[in-house]
């Protein structure tokens, strides 16, 4: 992976390569599932509401059972599209890696994978997450960009973070959600 920082007169450009494999796609899907977007929060609230209405109707009644079951079944499906996309892409890789090149510019990100090219405007990015290994930028319903901290040696991890926060108008946050909190997340709270 090669990166460069080109800072001219009011023009900044960062070129980064990321090699995606099945494990990385799975990690991204987990972080993305925890990046509770407004859509996911509304979806989760509807599921909880179904359970509450079911309990009010009475768990002995057919109506109550249907409402409770609907809420309990739909809640885990809130992140299904993200997990399914990651699984499908991992299967498509067949144990190999796929290299993506990202060119971060003042107004947009240009993503290139093979012959495919996509431009992502910074206002399309709805969530920024970071962990010990790297940075996650989420856009659209299931779009994700991952940049490892290791790939930022020449330009500096903090420099990259500051620039992306400036360009997007958002702040990087640690991933985590009460709805998907598990023992691994609890242990990571106590690690430095």
N, C-alpha and C. Protein backbone atom coordinates (compact mmCIF):
# COMPACT_ATOMS: atom_id res chain seq x y z
N UNK A 1 0.83 -1.17 0.00
CA UNK A 1 0.00 0.00 0.00
C UNK A 1 0.88 1.23 0.00
N UNK A 2 0.45 2.17 -0.78
CA UNK A 2 1.24 3.38 -0.92
C UNK A 2 0.33 4.57 -0.68
N UNK A 3 0.84 5.57 -0.03
CA UNK A 3 0.03 6.75 0.22
C UNK A 3 0.88 7.99 -0.03
N UNK A 4 0.21 9.07 -0.34
CA UNK A 4 0.93 10.32 -0.54
C UNK A 4 0.04 11.47 -0.08
N UNK A 5 0.66 12.54 0.26
CA UNK A 5 -0.06 13.74 0.66
C UNK A 5 0.45 14.86 -0.22
N UNK A 6 -0.44 15.45 -1.00
CA UNK A 6 -0.09 16.53 -1.90
C UNK A 6 -0.79 17.78 -1.41
N UNK A 7 -0.02 18.71 -0.86
CA UNK A 7 -0.62 19.93 -0.33
C UNK A 7 -0.10 21.11 -1.12
N UNK A 8 -0.90 21.57 -2.06
CA UNK A 8 -0.56 22.76 -2.83
C UNK A 8 -1.32 23.94 -2.27
N UNK A 9 -1.48 24.96 -3.09
CA UNK A 9 -2.22 26.13 -2.64
C UNK A 9 -3.69 25.76 -2.47
N UNK A 10 -4.13 25.65 -1.23
CA UNK A 10 -5.51 25.29 -0.88
C UNK A 10 -5.98 23.99 -1.54
N UNK A 11 -5.07 23.14 -1.93
CA UNK A 11 -5.45 21.86 -2.52
C UNK A 11 -4.75 20.75 -1.76
N UNK A 12 -5.54 19.85 -1.22
CA UNK A 12 -4.98 18.73 -0.48
C UNK A 12 -5.51 17.45 -1.10
N UNK A 13 -4.63 16.47 -1.24
CA UNK A 13 -5.02 15.21 -1.82
C UNK A 13 -4.29 14.09 -1.08
N UNK A 14 -5.03 13.05 -0.76
CA UNK A 14 -4.45 11.89 -0.09
C UNK A 14 -4.81 10.66 -0.90
N UNK A 15 -3.81 9.88 -1.29
CA UNK A 15 -4.03 8.63 -2.01
C UNK A 15 -3.74 7.47 -1.07
N UNK A 16 -4.70 6.54 -0.96
CA UNK A 16 -4.57 5.41 -0.04
C UNK A 16 -5.08 4.15 -0.72
N UNK A 17 -4.41 3.05 -0.47
CA UNK A 17 -4.87 1.75 -0.95
C UNK A 17 -5.30 0.88 0.21
N UNK A 18 -6.38 0.14 0.03
CA UNK A 18 -6.86 -0.78 1.05
C UNK A 18 -7.09 -2.13 0.39
N UNK A 19 -6.54 -3.19 0.97
CA UNK A 19 -6.75 -4.55 0.48
C UNK A 19 -7.83 -5.20 1.33
N UNK A 20 -8.99 -5.46 0.72
CA UNK A 20 -10.12 -6.06 1.43
C UNK A 20 -10.06 -7.57 1.33
N UNK A 21 -10.26 -8.25 2.47
CA UNK A 21 -10.41 -9.70 2.50
C UNK A 21 -11.65 -10.02 3.33
N UNK A 22 -11.98 -11.29 3.46
CA UNK A 22 -13.20 -11.70 4.14
C UNK A 22 -13.23 -11.22 5.60
N UNK A 23 -12.11 -11.32 6.30
CA UNK A 23 -12.08 -10.91 7.71
C UNK A 23 -12.32 -9.40 7.85
N UNK A 24 -11.70 -8.60 6.99
CA UNK A 24 -11.89 -7.15 7.04
C UNK A 24 -13.32 -6.79 6.69
N UNK A 25 -13.91 -7.44 5.70
CA UNK A 25 -15.30 -7.16 5.34
C UNK A 25 -16.23 -7.47 6.51
N UNK A 26 -15.96 -8.55 7.24
CA UNK A 26 -16.76 -8.90 8.41
C UNK A 26 -16.62 -7.86 9.52
N UNK A 27 -15.40 -7.39 9.75
CA UNK A 27 -15.17 -6.37 10.77
C UNK A 27 -15.88 -5.07 10.41
N UNK A 28 -15.81 -4.69 9.14
CA UNK A 28 -16.49 -3.47 8.69
C UNK A 28 -18.00 -3.60 8.89
N UNK A 29 -18.56 -4.76 8.55
CA UNK A 29 -20.00 -4.98 8.72
C UNK A 29 -20.41 -4.86 10.19
N UNK A 30 -19.57 -5.36 11.08
CA UNK A 30 -19.89 -5.26 12.52
C UNK A 30 -19.88 -3.80 12.97
N UNK A 31 -18.85 -3.06 12.57
CA UNK A 31 -18.78 -1.64 12.95
C UNK A 31 -19.93 -0.88 12.32
N UNK A 32 -20.22 -1.18 11.05
CA UNK A 32 -21.30 -0.49 10.36
C UNK A 32 -22.65 -0.79 11.01
N UNK A 33 -22.84 -2.02 11.45
CA UNK A 33 -24.07 -2.37 12.14
C UNK A 33 -24.22 -1.62 13.45
N UNK A 34 -23.11 -1.30 14.09
CA UNK A 34 -23.14 -0.55 15.34
C UNK A 34 -23.23 0.96 15.12
N UNK A 35 -23.00 1.41 13.88
CA UNK A 35 -23.11 2.84 13.56
C UNK A 35 -24.59 3.13 13.37
N UNK A 36 -25.27 3.38 14.45
CA UNK A 36 -26.72 3.49 14.44
C UNK A 36 -27.15 4.73 13.67
N UNK A 37 -27.56 4.55 12.44
CA UNK A 37 -28.07 5.64 11.63
C UNK A 37 -29.49 5.95 12.07
N UNK A 38 -30.02 7.07 11.63
CA UNK A 38 -31.40 7.44 11.96
C UNK A 38 -32.34 6.34 11.49
N UNK A 39 -32.09 5.81 10.31
CA UNK A 39 -32.93 4.73 9.78
C UNK A 39 -32.93 3.54 10.74
N UNK A 40 -31.75 3.12 11.19
CA UNK A 40 -31.67 1.97 12.09
C UNK A 40 -32.31 2.26 13.43
N UNK A 41 -32.16 3.48 13.93
CA UNK A 41 -32.78 3.83 15.21
C UNK A 41 -34.29 3.80 15.11
N UNK A 42 -34.85 4.33 14.03
CA UNK A 42 -36.30 4.31 13.84
C UNK A 42 -36.77 2.86 13.72
N UNK A 43 -36.05 2.07 12.95
CA UNK A 43 -36.39 0.66 12.77
C UNK A 43 -36.38 -0.06 14.13
N UNK A 44 -35.36 0.18 14.93
CA UNK A 44 -35.26 -0.45 16.25
C UNK A 44 -36.40 0.01 17.16
N UNK A 45 -36.74 1.31 17.10
CA UNK A 45 -37.84 1.84 17.92
C UNK A 45 -39.17 1.18 17.53
N UNK A 46 -39.38 0.96 16.24
CA UNK A 46 -40.60 0.29 15.78
C UNK A 46 -40.65 -1.14 16.33
N UNK A 47 -39.52 -1.82 16.30
CA UNK A 47 -39.47 -3.20 16.82
C UNK A 47 -39.79 -3.24 18.32
N UNK A 48 -39.23 -2.34 19.07
CA UNK A 48 -39.50 -2.27 20.51
C UNK A 48 -40.97 -1.93 20.74
N UNK A 49 -41.50 -1.01 19.94
CA UNK A 49 -42.91 -0.64 20.06
C UNK A 49 -43.82 -1.85 19.80
N UNK A 50 -43.48 -2.68 18.81
CA UNK A 50 -44.26 -3.89 18.55
C UNK A 50 -44.27 -4.81 19.76
N UNK A 51 -43.13 -4.97 20.40
CA UNK A 51 -43.04 -5.83 21.58
C UNK A 51 -43.89 -5.25 22.72
N UNK A 52 -43.78 -3.94 22.94
CA UNK A 52 -44.56 -3.29 24.01
C UNK A 52 -46.06 -3.43 23.74
N UNK A 53 -46.47 -3.18 22.49
CA UNK A 53 -47.88 -3.33 22.16
C UNK A 53 -48.34 -4.77 22.34
N UNK A 54 -47.48 -5.71 22.00
CA UNK A 54 -47.80 -7.13 22.21
C UNK A 54 -47.98 -7.47 23.67
N UNK A 55 -47.11 -6.91 24.51
CA UNK A 55 -47.23 -7.15 25.96
C UNK A 55 -48.50 -6.52 26.50
N UNK A 56 -48.86 -5.33 25.98
CA UNK A 56 -50.10 -4.69 26.42
C UNK A 56 -51.32 -5.48 25.98
N UNK A 57 -51.27 -6.06 24.78
CA UNK A 57 -52.39 -6.86 24.28
C UNK A 57 -52.50 -8.17 25.05
N UNK A 58 -51.41 -8.56 25.66
CA UNK A 58 -51.41 -9.81 26.43
C UNK A 58 -50.68 -10.90 25.69
N UNK A 59 -49.69 -11.47 26.35
CA UNK A 59 -48.89 -12.49 25.68
C UNK A 59 -49.62 -13.82 25.56
N UNK A 60 -50.81 -13.93 26.14
CA UNK A 60 -51.60 -15.14 25.98
C UNK A 60 -52.50 -15.06 24.75
N UNK A 61 -52.70 -13.86 24.21
CA UNK A 61 -53.59 -13.70 23.06
C UNK A 61 -52.82 -13.86 21.76
N UNK A 62 -53.56 -14.23 20.70
CA UNK A 62 -52.93 -14.38 19.38
C UNK A 62 -52.34 -13.05 18.91
N UNK A 63 -53.08 -11.98 19.12
CA UNK A 63 -52.60 -10.65 18.70
C UNK A 63 -51.31 -10.29 19.44
N UNK A 64 -51.27 -10.52 20.73
CA UNK A 64 -50.09 -10.22 21.53
C UNK A 64 -48.88 -11.04 21.09
N UNK A 65 -49.10 -12.32 20.85
CA UNK A 65 -48.01 -13.20 20.41
C UNK A 65 -47.47 -12.75 19.06
N UNK A 66 -48.36 -12.39 18.15
CA UNK A 66 -47.93 -11.95 16.81
C UNK A 66 -47.12 -10.66 16.91
N UNK A 67 -47.58 -9.70 17.71
CA UNK A 67 -46.85 -8.43 17.86
C UNK A 67 -45.48 -8.64 18.50
N UNK A 68 -45.44 -9.44 19.57
CA UNK A 68 -44.17 -9.70 20.25
C UNK A 68 -43.21 -10.45 19.32
N UNK A 69 -43.70 -11.46 18.65
CA UNK A 69 -42.85 -12.23 17.72
C UNK A 69 -42.34 -11.35 16.59
N UNK A 70 -43.20 -10.49 16.05
CA UNK A 70 -42.78 -9.59 14.96
C UNK A 70 -41.65 -8.68 15.41
N UNK A 71 -41.80 -8.09 16.58
CA UNK A 71 -40.75 -7.21 17.11
C UNK A 71 -39.44 -7.95 17.34
N UNK A 72 -39.54 -9.16 17.90
CA UNK A 72 -38.33 -9.95 18.19
C UNK A 72 -37.65 -10.46 16.92
N UNK A 73 -38.43 -10.76 15.91
CA UNK A 73 -37.85 -11.26 14.65
C UNK A 73 -37.25 -10.12 13.84
N UNK A 74 -37.92 -8.98 13.80
CA UNK A 74 -37.47 -7.86 12.97
C UNK A 74 -36.23 -7.16 13.53
N UNK A 75 -36.06 -7.13 14.85
CA UNK A 75 -34.94 -6.40 15.45
C UNK A 75 -33.58 -6.88 14.95
N UNK A 76 -33.28 -8.18 14.94
CA UNK A 76 -31.97 -8.60 14.43
C UNK A 76 -31.80 -8.36 12.93
N UNK A 77 -32.89 -8.20 12.22
CA UNK A 77 -32.81 -7.98 10.77
C UNK A 77 -32.41 -6.55 10.42
N UNK A 78 -32.35 -5.65 11.41
CA UNK A 78 -32.02 -4.26 11.12
C UNK A 78 -30.65 -4.12 10.48
N UNK A 79 -29.72 -5.02 10.79
CA UNK A 79 -28.38 -4.97 10.21
C UNK A 79 -28.16 -6.07 9.17
N UNK A 80 -29.23 -6.75 8.79
CA UNK A 80 -29.09 -7.89 7.89
C UNK A 80 -28.50 -7.50 6.54
N UNK A 81 -28.94 -6.38 5.96
CA UNK A 81 -28.44 -6.01 4.63
C UNK A 81 -26.94 -5.76 4.65
N UNK A 82 -26.43 -5.17 5.73
CA UNK A 82 -25.00 -4.92 5.85
C UNK A 82 -24.24 -6.23 5.97
N UNK A 83 -24.72 -7.13 6.83
CA UNK A 83 -24.07 -8.44 7.00
C UNK A 83 -24.14 -9.27 5.72
N UNK A 84 -25.30 -9.24 5.04
CA UNK A 84 -25.46 -9.99 3.80
C UNK A 84 -24.51 -9.47 2.72
N UNK A 85 -24.38 -8.15 2.61
CA UNK A 85 -23.47 -7.57 1.62
C UNK A 85 -22.03 -8.01 1.90
N UNK A 86 -21.62 -7.98 3.17
CA UNK A 86 -20.26 -8.39 3.53
C UNK A 86 -20.05 -9.87 3.22
N UNK A 87 -21.03 -10.70 3.55
CA UNK A 87 -20.91 -12.14 3.28
C UNK A 87 -20.82 -12.41 1.78
N UNK A 88 -21.68 -11.74 0.99
CA UNK A 88 -21.67 -11.93 -0.46
C UNK A 88 -20.35 -11.49 -1.08
N UNK A 89 -19.83 -10.34 -0.62
CA UNK A 89 -18.54 -9.87 -1.14
C UNK A 89 -17.40 -10.80 -0.74
N UNK A 90 -17.45 -11.33 0.48
CA UNK A 90 -16.41 -12.27 0.93
C UNK A 90 -16.44 -13.55 0.09
N UNK A 91 -17.64 -14.04 -0.21
CA UNK A 91 -17.76 -15.24 -1.06
C UNK A 91 -17.23 -14.95 -2.46
N UNK A 92 -17.51 -13.78 -2.97
CA UNK A 92 -17.05 -13.38 -4.30
C UNK A 92 -15.52 -13.33 -4.37
N UNK A 93 -14.90 -12.95 -3.25
CA UNK A 93 -13.43 -12.90 -3.22
C UNK A 93 -12.82 -14.29 -3.28
N UNK A 94 -13.51 -15.28 -2.77
CA UNK A 94 -13.00 -16.66 -2.81
C UNK A 94 -11.66 -16.83 -2.13
N UNK A 95 -11.46 -16.19 -0.99
CA UNK A 95 -10.20 -16.31 -0.25
C UNK A 95 -9.12 -15.35 -0.72
N UNK A 96 -9.39 -14.59 -1.75
CA UNK A 96 -8.41 -13.62 -2.26
C UNK A 96 -8.66 -12.25 -1.64
N UNK A 97 -7.84 -11.30 -2.05
CA UNK A 97 -8.00 -9.91 -1.61
C UNK A 97 -8.38 -9.04 -2.80
N UNK A 98 -9.11 -7.98 -2.50
CA UNK A 98 -9.48 -7.02 -3.53
C UNK A 98 -8.89 -5.67 -3.13
N UNK A 99 -8.11 -5.07 -4.05
CA UNK A 99 -7.47 -3.80 -3.76
C UNK A 99 -8.36 -2.65 -4.21
N UNK A 100 -8.57 -1.71 -3.31
CA UNK A 100 -9.31 -0.48 -3.61
C UNK A 100 -8.37 0.69 -3.42
N UNK A 101 -8.43 1.65 -4.32
CA UNK A 101 -7.64 2.88 -4.21
C UNK A 101 -8.60 4.01 -3.90
N UNK A 102 -8.24 4.82 -2.93
CA UNK A 102 -9.05 5.98 -2.55
C UNK A 102 -8.22 7.24 -2.71
N UNK A 103 -8.81 8.21 -3.39
CA UNK A 103 -8.17 9.50 -3.53
C UNK A 103 -9.07 10.52 -2.80
N UNK A 104 -8.58 10.97 -1.66
CA UNK A 104 -9.31 11.95 -0.86
C UNK A 104 -8.91 13.34 -1.34
N UNK A 105 -9.88 14.10 -1.82
CA UNK A 105 -9.65 15.46 -2.28
C UNK A 105 -10.48 16.41 -1.43
N UNK A 106 -10.35 17.70 -1.69
CA UNK A 106 -11.07 18.70 -0.90
C UNK A 106 -12.59 18.52 -0.97
N UNK A 107 -13.12 18.16 -2.13
CA UNK A 107 -14.57 18.12 -2.33
C UNK A 107 -15.17 16.72 -2.37
N UNK A 108 -14.34 15.69 -2.62
CA UNK A 108 -14.89 14.36 -2.83
C UNK A 108 -13.82 13.30 -2.61
N UNK A 109 -14.30 12.06 -2.59
CA UNK A 109 -13.42 10.90 -2.55
C UNK A 109 -13.66 10.14 -3.86
N UNK A 110 -12.58 9.77 -4.51
CA UNK A 110 -12.68 8.95 -5.72
C UNK A 110 -12.24 7.54 -5.34
N UNK A 111 -13.17 6.60 -5.44
CA UNK A 111 -12.89 5.20 -5.11
C UNK A 111 -12.74 4.41 -6.39
N UNK A 112 -11.62 3.68 -6.52
CA UNK A 112 -11.37 2.87 -7.71
C UNK A 112 -11.09 1.44 -7.29
N UNK A 113 -11.86 0.53 -7.87
CA UNK A 113 -11.65 -0.90 -7.65
C UNK A 113 -11.63 -1.54 -9.03
N UNK A 114 -10.46 -1.96 -9.47
CA UNK A 114 -10.32 -2.48 -10.82
C UNK A 114 -10.68 -1.40 -11.83
N UNK A 115 -11.60 -1.71 -12.72
CA UNK A 115 -12.05 -0.75 -13.73
C UNK A 115 -13.20 0.12 -13.22
N UNK A 116 -13.75 -0.22 -12.08
CA UNK A 116 -14.88 0.51 -11.51
C UNK A 116 -14.39 1.77 -10.79
N UNK A 117 -15.13 2.87 -10.96
CA UNK A 117 -14.77 4.14 -10.33
C UNK A 117 -16.03 4.80 -9.80
N UNK A 118 -15.96 5.29 -8.57
CA UNK A 118 -17.10 5.94 -7.93
C UNK A 118 -16.64 7.21 -7.25
N UNK A 119 -17.43 8.27 -7.37
CA UNK A 119 -17.15 9.52 -6.66
C UNK A 119 -18.13 9.64 -5.50
N UNK A 120 -17.59 9.90 -4.32
CA UNK A 120 -18.40 10.05 -3.12
C UNK A 120 -18.19 11.46 -2.59
N UNK A 121 -19.26 12.22 -2.54
CA UNK A 121 -19.20 13.58 -2.00
C UNK A 121 -19.17 13.48 -0.48
N UNK A 122 -18.50 14.41 0.16
CA UNK A 122 -18.38 14.34 1.63
C UNK A 122 -19.73 14.47 2.33
N UNK A 123 -20.68 15.16 1.70
CA UNK A 123 -21.99 15.28 2.36
C UNK A 123 -22.79 13.98 2.29
N UNK A 124 -22.33 12.99 1.52
CA UNK A 124 -22.96 11.67 1.48
C UNK A 124 -22.54 10.81 2.66
N UNK A 125 -21.46 11.17 3.32
CA UNK A 125 -20.94 10.38 4.44
C UNK A 125 -21.76 10.70 5.68
N UNK A 126 -22.42 9.68 6.24
CA UNK A 126 -23.31 9.91 7.37
C UNK A 126 -22.70 9.49 8.70
N UNK A 127 -21.58 8.77 8.69
CA UNK A 127 -21.02 8.30 9.95
C UNK A 127 -19.52 8.05 9.81
N UNK A 128 -18.77 8.48 10.81
CA UNK A 128 -17.32 8.26 10.89
C UNK A 128 -17.03 7.48 12.17
N UNK A 129 -16.35 6.35 12.04
CA UNK A 129 -15.98 5.55 13.20
C UNK A 129 -14.48 5.28 13.14
N UNK A 130 -13.89 5.04 14.31
CA UNK A 130 -12.48 4.68 14.39
C UNK A 130 -12.28 3.66 15.49
N UNK A 131 -11.30 2.80 15.28
CA UNK A 131 -10.88 1.88 16.33
C UNK A 131 -9.36 1.83 16.31
N UNK A 132 -8.78 0.90 17.05
CA UNK A 132 -7.32 0.83 17.14
C UNK A 132 -6.66 0.52 15.80
N UNK A 133 -7.40 -0.12 14.90
CA UNK A 133 -6.81 -0.55 13.63
C UNK A 133 -7.00 0.45 12.49
N UNK A 134 -8.06 1.27 12.54
CA UNK A 134 -8.26 2.18 11.43
C UNK A 134 -9.51 3.03 11.53
N UNK A 135 -9.83 3.61 10.36
CA UNK A 135 -10.95 4.54 10.23
C UNK A 135 -11.99 3.97 9.28
N UNK A 136 -13.27 4.20 9.61
CA UNK A 136 -14.38 3.72 8.82
C UNK A 136 -15.23 4.92 8.42
N UNK A 137 -15.52 5.04 7.13
CA UNK A 137 -16.38 6.10 6.62
C UNK A 137 -17.57 5.42 5.97
N UNK A 138 -18.79 5.73 6.43
CA UNK A 138 -19.99 5.08 5.93
C UNK A 138 -20.85 6.06 5.15
N UNK A 139 -21.33 5.60 4.01
CA UNK A 139 -22.17 6.44 3.16
C UNK A 139 -23.27 5.57 2.56
N UNK A 140 -24.38 6.20 2.18
CA UNK A 140 -25.49 5.45 1.62
C UNK A 140 -26.01 4.42 2.60
N UNK A 141 -26.73 3.44 2.08
CA UNK A 141 -27.31 2.41 2.95
C UNK A 141 -26.26 1.41 3.41
N UNK A 142 -25.34 0.99 2.51
CA UNK A 142 -24.36 -0.02 2.89
C UNK A 142 -22.94 0.32 2.44
N UNK A 143 -22.72 1.52 1.93
CA UNK A 143 -21.39 1.90 1.44
C UNK A 143 -20.41 2.13 2.60
N UNK A 144 -19.18 1.65 2.41
CA UNK A 144 -18.17 1.78 3.46
C UNK A 144 -16.79 1.94 2.85
N UNK A 145 -15.99 2.77 3.50
CA UNK A 145 -14.57 2.94 3.14
C UNK A 145 -13.79 2.66 4.41
N UNK A 146 -12.75 1.83 4.29
CA UNK A 146 -11.88 1.54 5.42
C UNK A 146 -10.47 2.00 5.10
N UNK A 147 -9.86 2.69 6.07
CA UNK A 147 -8.47 3.14 5.93
C UNK A 147 -7.72 2.69 7.19
N UNK A 148 -6.73 1.83 7.01
CA UNK A 148 -5.97 1.35 8.17
C UNK A 148 -5.00 2.43 8.65
N UNK A 149 -4.77 2.42 9.95
CA UNK A 149 -3.80 3.37 10.52
C UNK A 149 -2.41 3.11 9.96
N UNK A 150 -2.11 1.84 9.67
CA UNK A 150 -0.80 1.48 9.13
C UNK A 150 -0.54 2.14 7.78
N UNK A 151 -1.58 2.28 6.98
CA UNK A 151 -1.40 2.87 5.65
C UNK A 151 -1.19 4.38 5.70
N UNK A 152 -1.27 4.95 6.89
CA UNK A 152 -1.14 6.40 7.04
C UNK A 152 0.20 6.80 7.67
N UNK A 153 1.19 5.93 7.62
CA UNK A 153 2.49 6.21 8.26
C UNK A 153 3.12 7.51 7.75
N UNK A 154 3.12 7.69 6.44
CA UNK A 154 3.80 8.86 5.87
C UNK A 154 3.10 10.18 6.15
N UNK A 155 1.78 10.18 6.21
CA UNK A 155 1.06 11.43 6.41
C UNK A 155 0.59 11.63 7.83
N UNK A 156 0.56 10.59 8.60
CA UNK A 156 0.13 10.67 9.99
C UNK A 156 -1.35 10.42 10.15
N UNK A 157 -1.66 9.54 11.06
CA UNK A 157 -3.03 9.16 11.34
C UNK A 157 -3.87 10.35 11.80
N UNK A 158 -3.32 11.16 12.67
CA UNK A 158 -4.04 12.33 13.18
C UNK A 158 -4.28 13.37 12.09
N UNK A 159 -3.32 13.55 11.19
CA UNK A 159 -3.51 14.49 10.08
C UNK A 159 -4.67 14.05 9.20
N UNK A 160 -4.72 12.77 8.89
CA UNK A 160 -5.82 12.22 8.09
C UNK A 160 -7.15 12.45 8.81
N UNK A 161 -7.19 12.14 10.08
CA UNK A 161 -8.41 12.28 10.86
C UNK A 161 -8.92 13.72 10.84
N UNK A 162 -8.03 14.67 11.07
CA UNK A 162 -8.40 16.08 11.10
C UNK A 162 -8.95 16.52 9.74
N UNK A 163 -8.27 16.12 8.66
CA UNK A 163 -8.72 16.51 7.32
C UNK A 163 -10.10 15.95 6.99
N UNK A 164 -10.31 14.67 7.27
CA UNK A 164 -11.60 14.06 6.97
C UNK A 164 -12.71 14.69 7.81
N UNK A 165 -12.43 14.95 9.07
CA UNK A 165 -13.44 15.62 9.92
C UNK A 165 -13.76 17.01 9.38
N UNK A 166 -12.75 17.71 8.91
CA UNK A 166 -12.96 19.04 8.33
C UNK A 166 -13.79 18.95 7.05
N UNK A 167 -13.45 18.01 6.19
CA UNK A 167 -14.15 17.88 4.91
C UNK A 167 -15.59 17.41 5.07
N UNK A 168 -15.85 16.53 6.03
CA UNK A 168 -17.20 15.98 6.21
C UNK A 168 -18.06 16.81 7.16
N UNK A 169 -17.42 17.57 8.03
CA UNK A 169 -18.16 18.30 9.05
C UNK A 169 -18.66 17.38 10.16
N UNK A 170 -18.08 16.19 10.26
CA UNK A 170 -18.45 15.20 11.28
C UNK A 170 -17.21 14.84 12.10
N UNK A 171 -17.43 14.17 13.21
CA UNK A 171 -16.34 13.73 14.09
C UNK A 171 -16.28 12.21 14.10
N UNK A 172 -15.06 11.68 14.17
CA UNK A 172 -14.87 10.24 14.32
C UNK A 172 -15.26 9.85 15.74
N UNK A 173 -15.96 8.74 15.86
CA UNK A 173 -16.37 8.22 17.16
C UNK A 173 -15.97 6.75 17.24
N UNK A 174 -15.83 6.27 18.46
CA UNK A 174 -15.56 4.85 18.69
C UNK A 174 -16.83 4.06 18.40
N UNK A 175 -16.71 2.89 17.75
CA UNK A 175 -17.92 2.11 17.49
C UNK A 175 -18.47 1.49 18.76
N UNK A 176 -19.75 1.27 18.76
CA UNK A 176 -20.40 0.62 19.89
C UNK A 176 -21.85 1.01 19.94
N UNK A 177 -22.67 0.13 20.42
CA UNK A 177 -24.09 0.36 20.52
C UNK A 177 -24.63 -0.46 21.68
N UNK A 178 -25.55 0.11 22.42
CA UNK A 178 -26.16 -0.62 23.52
C UNK A 178 -26.90 -1.84 22.98
N UNK A 179 -27.47 -1.73 21.76
CA UNK A 179 -28.25 -2.82 21.20
C UNK A 179 -27.40 -4.02 20.81
N UNK A 180 -26.10 -3.78 20.53
CA UNK A 180 -25.23 -4.88 20.11
C UNK A 180 -24.05 -5.05 21.05
N UNK A 181 -24.13 -4.52 22.24
CA UNK A 181 -23.06 -4.58 23.21
C UNK A 181 -22.84 -6.03 23.63
N UNK A 182 -21.59 -6.46 23.66
CA UNK A 182 -21.30 -7.83 24.08
C UNK A 182 -20.08 -7.84 24.99
N UNK A 183 -19.65 -9.00 25.43
CA UNK A 183 -18.53 -9.11 26.37
C UNK A 183 -17.24 -8.58 25.75
N UNK A 184 -17.04 -8.79 24.44
CA UNK A 184 -15.85 -8.27 23.75
C UNK A 184 -15.81 -6.73 23.84
N UNK A 185 -16.98 -6.09 23.64
CA UNK A 185 -17.05 -4.63 23.74
C UNK A 185 -16.74 -4.18 25.16
N UNK A 186 -17.24 -4.92 26.15
CA UNK A 186 -16.99 -4.58 27.55
C UNK A 186 -15.50 -4.66 27.87
N UNK A 187 -14.84 -5.71 27.41
CA UNK A 187 -13.40 -5.87 27.64
C UNK A 187 -12.62 -4.76 26.95
N UNK A 188 -13.03 -4.38 25.73
CA UNK A 188 -12.31 -3.34 25.00
C UNK A 188 -12.41 -1.98 25.68
N UNK A 189 -13.42 -1.77 26.50
CA UNK A 189 -13.54 -0.50 27.24
C UNK A 189 -12.38 -0.32 28.24
N UNK A 190 -11.85 -1.44 28.74
CA UNK A 190 -10.83 -1.37 29.75
C UNK A 190 -9.42 -1.47 29.19
N UNK A 191 -9.30 -1.72 27.88
CA UNK A 191 -7.98 -1.74 27.23
C UNK A 191 -7.62 -0.33 26.78
N UNK A 192 -6.34 -0.08 26.71
CA UNK A 192 -5.91 1.24 26.24
C UNK A 192 -5.72 1.24 24.77
